[in-house]
Amino acid sequence: MVYIPFFLLTLHPLGYTILLMAQKNVQSTIGKFLKKKRREAGLTQEDFAVKSGLGLRFIRELEQGKQTVRMDKVNQALAMFGYEAAPVKIMQSASGEDSDE
């Protein structure tokens, strides 16, 4: 199982969950991961959008590292390859303290 860490989930006023990625490397990690899997499957962004039921604009923005994305859509994209994003405890921060204290 691959864990893709994320930093903050918020509820949008319309009721869906937003994934806020606080660091550039995290958002580009998810985007790079999906781009790699999509290419390995021989899919264009257009093909992937159609097969996953997601919009082409969302796929492009996700692969380019958009800073805020809907969690349900991220998991819909990841599910195409048998993955999902889930909260994973980060053991220590750079200061050496537990990250959730």
C-alpha atoms as a PDB file:
ATOM      1  CA  MET A   1       0.000   0.000   0.000  1.00  0.00           C
ATOM      2  CA  VAL A   2       1.262   3.475  -0.848  1.00  0.00           C
ATOM      3  CA  TYR A   3       0.463   6.251   1.607  1.00  0.00           C
ATOM      4  CA  ILE A   4       0.265   9.752   0.224  1.00  0.00           C
ATOM      5  CA  PRO A   5       0.475  12.196   3.128  1.00  0.00           C
ATOM      6  CA  PHE A   6      -1.561  15.351   3.175  1.00  0.00           C
ATOM      7  CA  PHE A   7      -1.790  18.171   5.622  1.00  0.00           C
ATOM      8  CA  LEU A   8      -5.277  19.574   6.072  1.00  0.00           C
ATOM      9  CA  LEU A   9      -8.806  18.638   5.129  1.00  0.00           C
ATOM     10  CA  THR A  10     -11.536  21.231   5.262  1.00  0.00           C
ATOM     11  CA  LEU A  11     -15.226  21.116   4.519  1.00  0.00           C
ATOM     12  CA  HIS A  12     -16.354  23.318   1.687  1.00  0.00           C
ATOM     13  CA  PRO A  13     -19.570  25.291   2.299  1.00  0.00           C
ATOM     14  CA  LEU A  14     -21.284  23.109  -0.310  1.00  0.00           C
ATOM     15  CA  GLY A  15     -20.430  20.020   1.701  1.00  0.00           C
ATOM     16  CA  TYR A  16     -17.511  18.397  -0.076  1.00  0.00           C
ATOM     17  CA  THR A  17     -14.041  17.858   1.259  1.00  0.00           C
ATOM     18  CA  ILE A  18     -11.099  19.923   0.057  1.00  0.00           C
ATOM     19  CA  LEU A  19      -7.535  18.674   0.244  1.00  0.00           C
ATOM     20  CA  LEU A  20      -5.204  21.545   1.092  1.00  0.00           C
ATOM     21  CA  MET A  21      -1.591  20.721   0.472  1.00  0.00           C
ATOM     22  CA  ALA A  22       0.682  23.027   2.391  1.00  0.00           C
ATOM     23  CA  GLN A  23       3.964  22.239   0.704  1.00  0.00           C
ATOM     24  CA  LYS A  24       4.747  22.237  -3.006  1.00  0.00           C
ATOM     25  CA  ASN A  25       6.480  18.854  -2.809  1.00  0.00           C
ATOM     26  CA  VAL A  26       3.334  17.125  -1.512  1.00  0.00           C
ATOM     27  CA  GLN A  27       1.042  18.373  -4.244  1.00  0.00           C
ATOM     28  CA  SER A  28       3.609  17.659  -6.918  1.00  0.00           C
ATOM     29  CA  THR A  29       4.078  14.164  -5.430  1.00  0.00           C
ATOM     30  CA  ILE A  30       0.427  13.270  -5.977  1.00  0.00           C
ATOM     31  CA  GLY A  31       0.441  14.848  -9.426  1.00  0.00           C
ATOM     32  CA  LYS A  32       3.700  13.164 -10.438  1.00  0.00           C
ATOM     33  CA  PHE A  33       2.491   9.825  -9.103  1.00  0.00           C
ATOM     34  CA  LEU A  34      -0.732  10.006 -11.127  1.00  0.00           C
ATOM     35  CA  LYS A  35       1.054  11.247 -14.234  1.00  0.00           C
ATOM     36  CA  LYS A  36       3.517   8.341 -14.002  1.00  0.00           C
ATOM     37  CA  LYS A  37       0.723   5.786 -13.530  1.00  0.00           C
ATOM     38  CA  ARG A  38      -1.309   7.326 -16.353  1.00  0.00           C
ATOM     39  CA  ARG A  39       1.644   7.167 -18.736  1.00  0.00           C
ATOM     40  CA  GLU A  40       2.492   3.599 -17.689  1.00  0.00           C
ATOM     41  CA  ALA A  41      -1.094   2.693 -18.591  1.00  0.00           C
ATOM     42  CA  GLY A  42      -0.610   4.325 -21.998  1.00  0.00           C
ATOM     43  CA  LEU A  43      -3.328   6.920 -21.377  1.00  0.00           C
ATOM     44  CA  THR A  44      -3.407  10.518 -22.512  1.00  0.00           C
ATOM     45  CA  GLN A  45      -4.847  13.074 -20.119  1.00  0.00           C
ATOM     46  CA  GLU A  46      -7.982  13.060 -22.271  1.00  0.00           C
ATOM     47  CA  ASP A  47      -8.285   9.256 -22.118  1.00  0.00           C
ATOM     48  CA  PHE A  48      -7.710   9.263 -18.367  1.00  0.00           C
ATOM     49  CA  ALA A  49     -10.355  11.960 -17.842  1.00  0.00           C
ATOM     50  CA  VAL A  50     -12.933   9.951 -19.793  1.00  0.00           C
ATOM     51  CA  LYS A  51     -12.114   6.608 -18.141  1.00  0.00           C
ATOM     52  CA  SER A  52     -12.032   8.054 -14.621  1.00  0.00           C
ATOM     53  CA  GLY A  53     -15.125  10.213 -15.045  1.00  0.00           C
ATOM     54  CA  LEU A  54     -13.153  13.312 -14.099  1.00  0.00           C
ATOM     55  CA  GLY A  55     -12.822  16.533 -16.032  1.00  0.00           C
ATOM     56  CA  LEU A  56      -9.804  17.148 -18.226  1.00  0.00           C
ATOM     57  CA  ARG A  57      -9.196  20.472 -16.474  1.00  0.00           C
ATOM     58  CA  PHE A  58      -9.041  18.700 -13.076  1.00  0.00           C
ATOM     59  CA  ILE A  59      -6.544  16.121 -14.397  1.00  0.00           C
ATOM     60  CA  ARG A  60      -4.321  18.834 -15.844  1.00  0.00           C
ATOM     61  CA  GLU A  61      -4.433  20.945 -12.678  1.00  0.00           C
ATOM     62  CA  LEU A  62      -3.750  17.936 -10.455  1.00  0.00           C
ATOM     63  CA  GLU A  63      -0.741  16.866 -12.509  1.00  0.00           C
ATOM     64  CA  GLN A  64       0.551  20.451 -12.448  1.00  0.00           C
ATOM     65  CA  GLY A  65       0.358  20.561  -8.632  1.00  0.00           C
ATOM     66  CA  LYS A  66      -2.706  22.715  -7.973  1.00  0.00           C
ATOM     67  CA  GLN A  67      -2.627  23.763  -4.325  1.00  0.00           C
ATOM     68  CA  THR A  68      -6.239  22.914  -3.393  1.00  0.00           C
ATOM     69  CA  VAL A  69      -8.201  20.006  -4.827  1.00  0.00           C
ATOM     70  CA  ARG A  70     -11.287  18.025  -3.889  1.00  0.00           C
ATOM     71  CA  MET A  71     -10.363  14.916  -1.952  1.00  0.00           C
ATOM     72  CA  ASP A  72     -13.137  12.840  -3.492  1.00  0.00           C
ATOM     73  CA  LYS A  73     -11.789  13.632  -6.965  1.00  0.00           C
ATOM     74  CA  VAL A  74      -8.201  12.837  -5.938  1.00  0.00           C
ATOM     75  CA  ASN A  75      -9.367   9.453  -4.665  1.00  0.00           C
ATOM     76  CA  GLN A  76     -11.406   8.910  -7.820  1.00  0.00           C
ATOM     77  CA  ALA A  77      -8.243   9.447  -9.868  1.00  0.00           C
ATOM     78  CA  LEU A  78      -6.101   7.281  -7.567  1.00  0.00           C
ATOM     79  CA  ALA A  79      -8.724   4.501  -7.600  1.00  0.00           C
ATOM     80  CA  MET A  80      -8.075   4.027 -11.319  1.00  0.00           C
ATOM     81  CA  PHE A  81      -4.764   2.470 -10.291  1.00  0.00           C
ATOM     82  CA  GLY A  82      -5.867   0.802  -7.060  1.00  0.00           C
ATOM     83  CA  TYR A  83      -4.774   3.527  -4.600  1.00  0.00           C
ATOM     84  CA  GLU A  84      -6.370   6.060  -2.278  1.00  0.00           C
ATOM     85  CA  ALA A  85      -5.139   9.031  -0.283  1.00  0.00           C
ATOM     86  CA  ALA A  86      -5.377   8.582   3.462  1.00  0.00           C
ATOM     87  CA  PRO A  87      -4.138  10.431   6.535  1.00  0.00           C
ATOM     88  CA  VAL A  88      -0.774   9.186   7.669  1.00  0.00           C
ATOM     89  CA  LYS A  89       0.859  10.362  10.864  1.00  0.00           C
ATOM     90  CA  ILE A  90       4.150  12.092  10.251  1.00  0.00           C
ATOM     91  CA  MET A  91       6.356  10.853  13.053  1.00  0.00           C
ATOM     92  CA  GLN A  92       8.484  13.930  13.681  1.00  0.00           C
ATOM     93  CA  SER A  93       8.643  17.465  12.406  1.00  0.00           C
ATOM     94  CA  ALA A  94      11.893  19.097  11.338  1.00  0.00           C
ATOM     95  CA  SER A  95      12.275  20.408  14.902  1.00  0.00           C
ATOM     96  CA  GLY A  96      12.182  16.843  16.228  1.00  0.00           C
ATOM     97  CA  GLU A  97       8.790  17.240  17.928  1.00  0.00           C
ATOM     98  CA  ASP A  98       5.777  15.035  17.357  1.00  0.00           C
ATOM     99  CA  SER A  99       3.783  16.611  14.514  1.00  0.00           C
ATOM    100  CA  ASP A 100       0.370  16.479  16.209  1.00  0.00           C
ATOM    101  CA  GLU A 101       1.324  18.132  19.510  1.00  0.00           C
END
